[in-house]
C-alpha atoms as a PDB file:
ATOM      1  CA  MET A   1      -6.749 -31.691 -53.999  1.00  0.00           C
ATOM      2  CA  PRO A   2      -8.100 -28.907 -56.219  1.00  0.00           C
ATOM      3  CA  ASP A   3      -6.391 -30.309 -59.334  1.00  0.00           C
ATOM      4  CA  GLY A   4      -7.796 -33.802 -58.855  1.00  0.00           C
ATOM      5  CA  SER A   5      -4.459 -35.500 -58.098  1.00  0.00           C
ATOM      6  CA  GLU A   6      -5.980 -37.641 -55.342  1.00  0.00           C
ATOM      7  CA  ASP A   7      -8.662 -38.942 -57.712  1.00  0.00           C
ATOM      8  CA  LEU A   8      -6.007 -39.740 -60.321  1.00  0.00           C
ATOM      9  CA  PHE A   9      -4.023 -41.789 -57.836  1.00  0.00           C
ATOM     10  CA  ARG A  10      -7.114 -43.630 -56.618  1.00  0.00           C
ATOM     11  CA  THR A  11      -7.892 -44.739 -60.153  1.00  0.00           C
ATOM     12  CA  ASN A  12      -4.212 -45.150 -61.113  1.00  0.00           C
ATOM     13  CA  ALA A  13      -4.978 -43.091 -64.229  1.00  0.00           C
ATOM     14  CA  SER A  14      -2.232 -42.456 -66.742  1.00  0.00           C
ATOM     15  CA  GLY A  15      -3.039 -38.753 -66.425  1.00  0.00           C
ATOM     16  CA  THR A  16      -1.192 -38.663 -63.102  1.00  0.00           C
ATOM     17  CA  LEU A  17       2.098 -38.381 -64.992  1.00  0.00           C
ATOM     18  CA  GLU A  18       0.842 -35.310 -66.854  1.00  0.00           C
ATOM     19  CA  VAL A  19      -0.316 -33.705 -63.594  1.00  0.00           C
ATOM     20  CA  ALA A  20       3.034 -34.414 -61.913  1.00  0.00           C
ATOM     21  CA  LEU A  21       4.860 -32.976 -64.928  1.00  0.00           C
ATOM     22  CA  ALA A  22       2.820 -29.771 -64.965  1.00  0.00           C
ATOM     23  CA  HIS A  23       3.262 -29.194 -61.233  1.00  0.00           C
ATOM     24  CA  THR A  24       6.984 -29.950 -61.339  1.00  0.00           C
ATOM     25  CA  ARG A  25       7.562 -27.542 -64.208  1.00  0.00           C
ATOM     26  CA  ALA A  26       5.546 -24.712 -62.641  1.00  0.00           C
ATOM     27  CA  GLY A  27       6.857 -25.349 -59.133  1.00  0.00           C
ATOM     28  CA  ALA A  28      10.482 -25.353 -60.260  1.00  0.00           C
ATOM     29  CA  GLU A  29      10.022 -21.998 -61.989  1.00  0.00           C
ATOM     30  CA  ALA A  30       8.673 -20.510 -58.762  1.00  0.00           C
ATOM     31  CA  ILE A  31      11.513 -21.995 -56.701  1.00  0.00           C
ATOM     32  CA  ARG A  32      14.152 -20.642 -59.103  1.00  0.00           C
ATOM     33  CA  ARG A  33      12.612 -17.161 -58.925  1.00  0.00           C
ATOM     34  CA  GLY A  34      12.612 -17.325 -55.127  1.00  0.00           C
ATOM     35  CA  GLY A  35      16.261 -18.359 -54.883  1.00  0.00           C
ATOM     36  CA  GLY A  36      17.589 -20.057 -51.776  1.00  0.00           C
ATOM     37  CA  LEU A  37      19.077 -23.529 -51.405  1.00  0.00           C
ATOM     38  CA  PHE A  38      16.729 -25.347 -53.796  1.00  0.00           C
ATOM     39  CA  GLY A  39      16.775 -22.476 -56.268  1.00  0.00           C
ATOM     40  CA  ALA A  40      20.515 -22.738 -56.844  1.00  0.00           C
ATOM     41  CA  THR A  41      20.255 -25.257 -59.717  1.00  0.00           C
ATOM     42  CA  GLN A  42      17.531 -26.432 -62.077  1.00  0.00           C
ATOM     43  CA  LEU A  43      17.934 -30.029 -60.876  1.00  0.00           C
ATOM     44  CA  ALA A  44      17.503 -29.058 -57.220  1.00  0.00           C
ATOM     45  CA  ALA A  45      14.492 -26.875 -58.027  1.00  0.00           C
ATOM     46  CA  GLU A  46      12.738 -29.613 -60.007  1.00  0.00           C
ATOM     47  CA  CYS A  47      13.444 -32.284 -57.383  1.00  0.00           C
ATOM     48  CA  GLU A  48      12.001 -30.060 -54.654  1.00  0.00           C
ATOM     49  CA  ALA A  49       8.992 -29.082 -56.780  1.00  0.00           C
ATOM     50  CA  LEU A  50       8.201 -32.740 -57.470  1.00  0.00           C
ATOM     51  CA  ARG A  51       8.672 -33.611 -53.794  1.00  0.00           C
ATOM     52  CA  GLN A  52       6.330 -30.823 -52.714  1.00  0.00           C
ATOM     53  CA  TRP A  53       3.659 -31.893 -55.195  1.00  0.00           C
ATOM     54  CA  ALA A  54       3.938 -35.540 -54.144  1.00  0.00           C
ATOM     55  CA  GLU A  55       3.591 -34.558 -50.490  1.00  0.00           C
ATOM     56  CA  GLN A  56       0.463 -32.524 -51.242  1.00  0.00           C
ATOM     57  CA  ALA A  57      -0.957 -35.337 -53.387  1.00  0.00           C
ATOM     58  CA  GLY A  58      -0.392 -37.911 -50.645  1.00  0.00           C
ATOM     59  CA  CYS A  59       2.059 -40.006 -52.659  1.00  0.00           C
ATOM     60  CA  LEU A  60       5.323 -39.093 -50.928  1.00  0.00           C
ATOM     61  CA  ARG A  61       6.053 -42.229 -48.924  1.00  0.00           C
ATOM     62  CA  PRO A  62       8.239 -45.325 -48.550  1.00  0.00           C
ATOM     63  CA  PHE A  63       7.368 -48.188 -50.907  1.00  0.00           C
ATOM     64  CA  LYS A  64       7.414 -51.706 -49.495  1.00  0.00           C
ATOM     65  CA  ALA A  65       7.750 -53.154 -53.002  1.00  0.00           C
ATOM     66  CA  ILE A  66      11.223 -51.639 -53.420  1.00  0.00           C
ATOM     67  CA  ALA A  67      12.505 -52.310 -49.904  1.00  0.00           C
ATOM     68  CA  ARG A  68      14.067 -55.622 -50.960  1.00  0.00           C
ATOM     69  CA  LEU A  69      17.111 -55.969 -53.214  1.00  0.00           C
ATOM     70  CA  ALA A  70      16.332 -55.138 -56.833  1.00  0.00           C
ATOM     71  CA  ASP A  71      16.035 -57.958 -59.377  1.00  0.00           C
ATOM     72  CA  ALA A  72      17.752 -55.938 -62.109  1.00  0.00           C
ATOM     73  CA  PHE A  73      19.064 -52.485 -62.809  1.00  0.00           C
ATOM     74  CA  GLY A  74      19.777 -50.114 -65.668  1.00  0.00           C
ATOM     75  CA  TYR A  75      21.298 -46.688 -66.194  1.00  0.00           C
ATOM     76  CA  GLU A  76      18.392 -44.839 -64.569  1.00  0.00           C
ATOM     77  CA  HIS A  77      16.329 -47.515 -62.783  1.00  0.00           C
ATOM     78  CA  GLU A  78      16.377 -50.329 -60.331  1.00  0.00           C
ATOM     79  CA  VAL A  79      13.798 -52.953 -61.318  1.00  0.00           C
ATOM     80  CA  TRP A  80      11.632 -55.384 -59.352  1.00  0.00           C
ATOM     81  CA  PHE A  81       9.865 -58.190 -61.194  1.00  0.00           C
ATOM     82  CA  PRO A  82       6.465 -59.494 -60.045  1.00  0.00           C
ATOM     83  CA  GLU A  83       6.656 -62.339 -57.552  1.00  0.00           C
ATOM     84  CA  GLU A  84       3.643 -63.979 -59.205  1.00  0.00           C
ATOM     85  CA  ASN A  85       2.699 -64.100 -62.876  1.00  0.00           C
ATOM     86  CA  GLY A  86      -0.731 -63.265 -64.179  1.00  0.00           C
ATOM     87  CA  ALA A  87      -2.665 -60.845 -66.350  1.00  0.00           C
ATOM     88  CA  ASP A  88      -2.248 -58.056 -63.788  1.00  0.00           C
ATOM     89  CA  ALA A  89       1.441 -58.675 -63.031  1.00  0.00           C
ATOM     90  CA  GLN A  90       3.500 -55.480 -63.008  1.00  0.00           C
ATOM     91  CA  VAL A  91       7.147 -54.541 -63.051  1.00  0.00           C
ATOM     92  CA  ILE A  92       8.114 -51.860 -60.531  1.00  0.00           C
ATOM     93  CA  LYS A  93      10.868 -49.371 -61.340  1.00  0.00           C
ATOM     94  CA  ALA A  94      12.532 -46.695 -59.230  1.00  0.00           C
ATOM     95  CA  THR A  95      15.042 -44.102 -60.361  1.00  0.00           C
ATOM     96  CA  TYR A  96      18.246 -43.659 -58.419  1.00  0.00           C
ATOM     97  CA  GLY A  97      18.331 -40.816 -55.914  1.00  0.00           C
ATOM     98  CA  ASN A  98      18.117 -37.505 -57.813  1.00  0.00           C
ATOM     99  CA  CYS A  99      19.280 -39.302 -60.996  1.00  0.00           C
ATOM    100  CA  PHE A 100      16.843 -39.618 -63.881  1.00  0.00           C
ATOM    101  CA  GLY A 101      18.762 -41.173 -66.747  1.00  0.00           C
ATOM    102  CA  HIS A 102      19.475 -39.438 -70.017  1.00  0.00           C
ATOM    103  CA  LEU A 103      17.654 -38.019 -73.040  1.00  0.00           C
ATOM    104  CA  PRO A 104      18.179 -38.731 -76.756  1.00  0.00           C
ATOM    105  CA  ASP A 105      20.287 -35.578 -77.161  1.00  0.00           C
ATOM    106  CA  GLY A 106      22.802 -37.068 -74.721  1.00  0.00           C
ATOM    107  CA  SER A 107      21.980 -34.741 -71.821  1.00  0.00           C
ATOM    108  CA  GLU A 108      21.273 -35.881 -68.282  1.00  0.00           C
ATOM    109  CA  ALA A 109      17.544 -35.828 -67.585  1.00  0.00           C
ATOM    110  CA  THR A 110      16.029 -33.716 -64.832  1.00  0.00           C
ATOM    111  CA  PRO A 111      12.667 -34.687 -63.286  1.00  0.00           C
ATOM    112  CA  VAL A 112      10.841 -32.671 -65.964  1.00  0.00           C
ATOM    113  CA  GLY A 113      12.722 -34.404 -68.797  1.00  0.00           C
ATOM    114  CA  TYR A 114      12.161 -37.798 -67.200  1.00  0.00           C
ATOM    115  CA  LEU A 115       8.423 -37.268 -66.692  1.00  0.00           C
ATOM    116  CA  GLU A 116       8.099 -35.943 -70.256  1.00  0.00           C
ATOM    117  CA  ARG A 117       9.815 -39.100 -71.455  1.00  0.00           C
ATOM    118  CA  LEU A 118       7.321 -41.323 -69.612  1.00  0.00           C
ATOM    119  CA  VAL A 119       4.357 -39.351 -70.951  1.00  0.00           C
ATOM    120  CA  LEU A 120       5.694 -39.713 -74.504  1.00  0.00           C
ATOM    121  CA  CYS A 121       6.277 -43.454 -74.006  1.00  0.00           C
ATOM    122  CA  ASN A 122       2.583 -43.833 -73.170  1.00  0.00           C
ATOM    123  CA  GLN A 123       1.398 -41.599 -76.014  1.00  0.00           C
ATOM    124  CA  VAL A 124       3.779 -42.662 -78.796  1.00  0.00           C
ATOM    125  CA  LEU A 125       4.681 -46.271 -78.006  1.00  0.00           C
ATOM    126  CA  GLY A 126       1.523 -47.372 -76.223  1.00  0.00           C
ATOM    127  CA  ASP A 127       3.298 -48.152 -72.960  1.00  0.00           C
ATOM    128  CA  GLN A 128       1.122 -48.274 -69.871  1.00  0.00           C
ATOM    129  CA  ILE A 129       3.428 -46.619 -67.369  1.00  0.00           C
ATOM    130  CA  ALA A 130       1.759 -45.530 -64.134  1.00  0.00           C
ATOM    131  CA  LEU A 131       3.241 -43.219 -61.535  1.00  0.00           C
ATOM    132  CA  LEU A 132       3.029 -44.891 -58.126  1.00  0.00           C
ATOM    133  CA  GLY A 133       4.593 -42.007 -56.257  1.00  0.00           C
ATOM    134  CA  ILE A 134       7.778 -40.472 -54.927  1.00  0.00           C
ATOM    135  CA  GLU A 135      10.072 -41.835 -52.239  1.00  0.00           C
ATOM    136  CA  GLU A 136      12.335 -39.479 -50.291  1.00  0.00           C
ATOM    137  CA  CYS A 137      15.535 -41.378 -49.517  1.00  0.00           C
ATOM    138  CA  ARG A 138      16.897 -38.619 -47.317  1.00  0.00           C
ATOM    139  CA  PRO A 139      16.258 -34.860 -47.147  1.00  0.00           C
ATOM    140  CA  GLY A 140      16.482 -33.395 -50.635  1.00  0.00           C
ATOM    141  CA  VAL A 141      16.949 -36.757 -52.410  1.00  0.00           C
ATOM    142  CA  ILE A 142      14.006 -38.396 -54.191  1.00  0.00           C
ATOM    143  CA  ARG A 143      13.219 -41.429 -56.333  1.00  0.00           C
ATOM    144  CA  VAL A 144      10.400 -41.673 -58.877  1.00  0.00           C
ATOM    145  CA  VAL A 145       8.544 -44.987 -58.523  1.00  0.00           C
ATOM    146  CA  THR A 146       6.540 -46.338 -61.466  1.00  0.00           C
ATOM    147  CA  ALA A 147       4.850 -49.538 -62.592  1.00  0.00           C
ATOM    148  CA  GLN A 148       4.101 -51.045 -65.985  1.00  0.00           C
ATOM    149  CA  PRO A 149       2.646 -54.359 -67.162  1.00  0.00           C
ATOM    150  CA  ALA A 150       5.031 -57.301 -67.076  1.00  0.00           C
ATOM    151  CA  ILE A 151       5.755 -58.586 -70.586  1.00  0.00           C
ATOM    152  CA  GLU A 152       6.897 -62.084 -71.467  1.00  0.00           C
ATOM    153  CA  GLY A 153       9.335 -62.088 -74.331  1.00  0.00           C
ATOM    154  CA  HIS A 154      12.959 -61.873 -75.397  1.00  0.00           C
ATOM    155  CA  PRO A 155      15.227 -59.090 -76.726  1.00  0.00           C
ATOM    156  CA  ALA A 156      14.373 -58.162 -80.304  1.00  0.00           C
ATOM    157  CA  GLU A 157      17.007 -58.432 -83.031  1.00  0.00           C
ATOM    158  CA  MET A 158      18.411 -55.206 -84.484  1.00  0.00           C
ATOM    159  CA  GLN A 159      16.806 -55.895 -87.875  1.00  0.00           C
ATOM    160  CA  GLU A 160      13.427 -56.348 -86.188  1.00  0.00           C
ATOM    161  CA  ILE A 161      13.879 -53.103 -84.264  1.00  0.00           C
ATOM    162  CA  ALA A 162      14.780 -51.216 -87.449  1.00  0.00           C
ATOM    163  CA  SER A 163      11.670 -52.553 -89.200  1.00  0.00           C
ATOM    164  CA  PHE A 164       9.549 -51.571 -86.189  1.00  0.00           C
ATOM    165  CA  PHE A 165      10.680 -47.935 -86.253  1.00  0.00           C
ATOM    166  CA  LEU A 166      10.724 -47.595 -90.032  1.00  0.00           C
ATOM    167  CA  GLY A 167       7.182 -48.949 -90.119  1.00  0.00           C
ATOM    168  CA  SER A 168       6.164 -46.339 -87.555  1.00  0.00           C
ATOM    169  CA  GLY A 169       7.346 -43.403 -89.681  1.00  0.00           C
ATOM    170  CA  PHE A 170      10.812 -42.924 -88.181  1.00  0.00           C
ATOM    171  CA  GLU A 171      14.040 -42.211 -90.037  1.00  0.00           C
ATOM    172  CA  ARG A 172      17.603 -42.970 -88.925  1.00  0.00           C
ATOM    173  CA  ARG A 173      19.503 -39.795 -87.988  1.00  0.00           C
ATOM    174  CA  ARG A 174      22.679 -38.727 -86.209  1.00  0.00           C
ATOM    175  CA  TRP A 175      22.332 -36.309 -83.302  1.00  0.00           C
ATOM    176  CA  GLY A 176      25.721 -35.189 -82.106  1.00  0.00           C
ATOM    177  CA  ARG A 177      27.558 -38.444 -81.411  1.00  0.00           C
ATOM    178  CA  ASN A 178      24.366 -40.481 -81.049  1.00  0.00           C
ATOM    179  CA  LEU A 179      22.452 -42.489 -83.626  1.00  0.00           C
ATOM    180  CA  VAL A 180      18.730 -41.916 -83.086  1.00  0.00           C
ATOM    181  CA  TRP A 181      15.361 -42.464 -84.736  1.00  0.00           C
ATOM    182  CA  PHE A 182      13.491 -39.311 -85.798  1.00  0.00           C
ATOM    183  CA  ARG A 183       9.858 -39.003 -86.883  1.00  0.00           C
ATOM    184  CA  PRO A 184       9.408 -35.848 -88.984  1.00  0.00           C
ATOM    185  CA  ALA A 185       5.631 -35.891 -88.633  1.00  0.00           C
ATOM    186  CA  ASP A 186       5.715 -34.911 -84.953  1.00  0.00           C
ATOM    187  CA  GLY A 187       9.380 -34.331 -84.116  1.00  0.00           C
ATOM    188  CA  ILE A 188       9.707 -37.386 -81.871  1.00  0.00           C
ATOM    189  CA  VAL A 189      13.266 -38.610 -81.294  1.00  0.00           C
ATOM    190  CA  ALA A 190      14.006 -42.093 -79.904  1.00  0.00           C
ATOM    191  CA  SER A 191      17.362 -43.405 -78.704  1.00  0.00           C
ATOM    192  CA  ASP A 192      18.825 -46.516 -77.070  1.00  0.00           C
ATOM    193  CA  THR A 193      16.663 -48.764 -79.216  1.00  0.00           C
ATOM    194  CA  HIS A 194      18.533 -51.979 -78.453  1.00  0.00           C
ATOM    195  CA  GLY A 195      17.212 -55.397 -77.516  1.00  0.00           C
ATOM    196  CA  GLY A 196      17.211 -54.575 -73.832  1.00  0.00           C
ATOM    197  CA  ASN A 197      14.621 -51.864 -74.446  1.00  0.00           C
ATOM    198  CA  VAL A 198      12.609 -53.503 -77.241  1.00  0.00           C
ATOM    199  CA  LEU A 199      11.154 -56.984 -76.711  1.00  0.00           C
ATOM    200  CA  ARG A 200       9.535 -59.511 -78.998  1.00  0.00           C
ATOM    201  CA  THR A 201       6.601 -60.933 -77.068  1.00  0.00           C
ATOM    202  CA  THR A 202       5.484 -64.555 -77.043  1.00  0.00           C
ATOM    203  CA  ASP A 203       2.821 -63.727 -79.647  1.00  0.00           C
ATOM    204  CA  GLY A 204       5.375 -62.121 -81.996  1.00  0.00           C
ATOM    205  CA  ALA A 205       4.680 -58.440 -81.347  1.00  0.00           C
ATOM    206  CA  LEU A 206       7.450 -55.909 -80.736  1.00  0.00           C
ATOM    207  CA  VAL A 207       7.086 -53.788 -77.614  1.00  0.00           C
ATOM    208  CA  ALA A 208       9.302 -50.859 -76.634  1.00  0.00           C
ATOM    209  CA  ILE A 209       9.514 -50.814 -72.843  1.00  0.00           C
ATOM    210  CA  ASP A 210      12.320 -48.423 -71.864  1.00  0.00           C
ATOM    211  CA  VAL A 211      13.111 -46.252 -74.875  1.00  0.00           C
ATOM    212  CA  PRO A 212      14.152 -42.633 -74.147  1.00  0.00           C
ATOM    213  CA  LEU A 213      11.978 -40.205 -76.115  1.00  0.00           C
ATOM    214  CA  MET A 214      11.875 -36.444 -76.517  1.00  0.00           C
ATOM    215  CA  VAL A 215      10.575 -33.866 -78.986  1.00  0.00           C
ATOM    216  CA  TRP A 216      13.029 -32.095 -81.282  1.00  0.00           C
ATOM    217  CA  LYS A 217      12.316 -28.367 -81.470  1.00  0.00           C
ATOM    218  CA  ALA A 218      13.640 -25.509 -83.556  1.00  0.00           C
ATOM    219  CA  GLY A 219      16.825 -24.146 -82.067  1.00  0.00           C
ATOM    220  CA  MET A 220      18.154 -27.524 -80.952  1.00  0.00           C
ATOM    221  CA  SER A 221      21.261 -28.944 -82.592  1.00  0.00           C
ATOM    222  CA  PRO A 222      20.534 -30.341 -86.062  1.00  0.00           C
ATOM    223  CA  LEU A 223      19.582 -33.928 -86.799  1.00  0.00           C
ATOM    224  CA  LEU A 224      21.887 -35.075 -89.604  1.00  0.00           C
ATOM    225  CA  PRO A 225      21.559 -38.009 -92.018  1.00  0.00           C
ATOM    226  CA  ALA A 226      22.931 -41.194 -90.469  1.00  0.00           C
END
């Protein structure tokens, strides 16, 4: 492809998420301007834009890894653990059909918000999330399929989690009805920082694996002292 998407998928580069995000954002704008069935709502436009990009990039397909019953599930994902352990073992995750979880401001995420969240997780928290592709469950309904390294550990205690975020320049704030972490230096907001999303590894490190992130911008509702 002209934008290099095929090369990104061949190398499984983290940049694939950024490419998917850019195409979804631009494609959805074009679909909304054109109207029609997929232009009726922002969610429908973004889902169709992401589906079209995935089809062009050659990553719109069924995934054998998620054909079996999931090993676990959360608010936005079904999860499949590796069948064999090892240095290269990966956890596979797939969103529910046309459902992409939520963002720290409490809103339901669209594909753009979800992809932005994954990009931020890689950039801010050092996660190694890779986009495997998109699966179309039925016409107009898609799932985002990702992989990340399997981590051995146990849920971190709340005091450990607080120390982790405070040590990373975050402050405790209240955003609407939600308690969040906010980093003034770059406007990053983190939510749902419980032990299910932050693990203490076998070597004692804390790793955030499923923390919703977004950037606070001027004009959004205020972040108040907790």
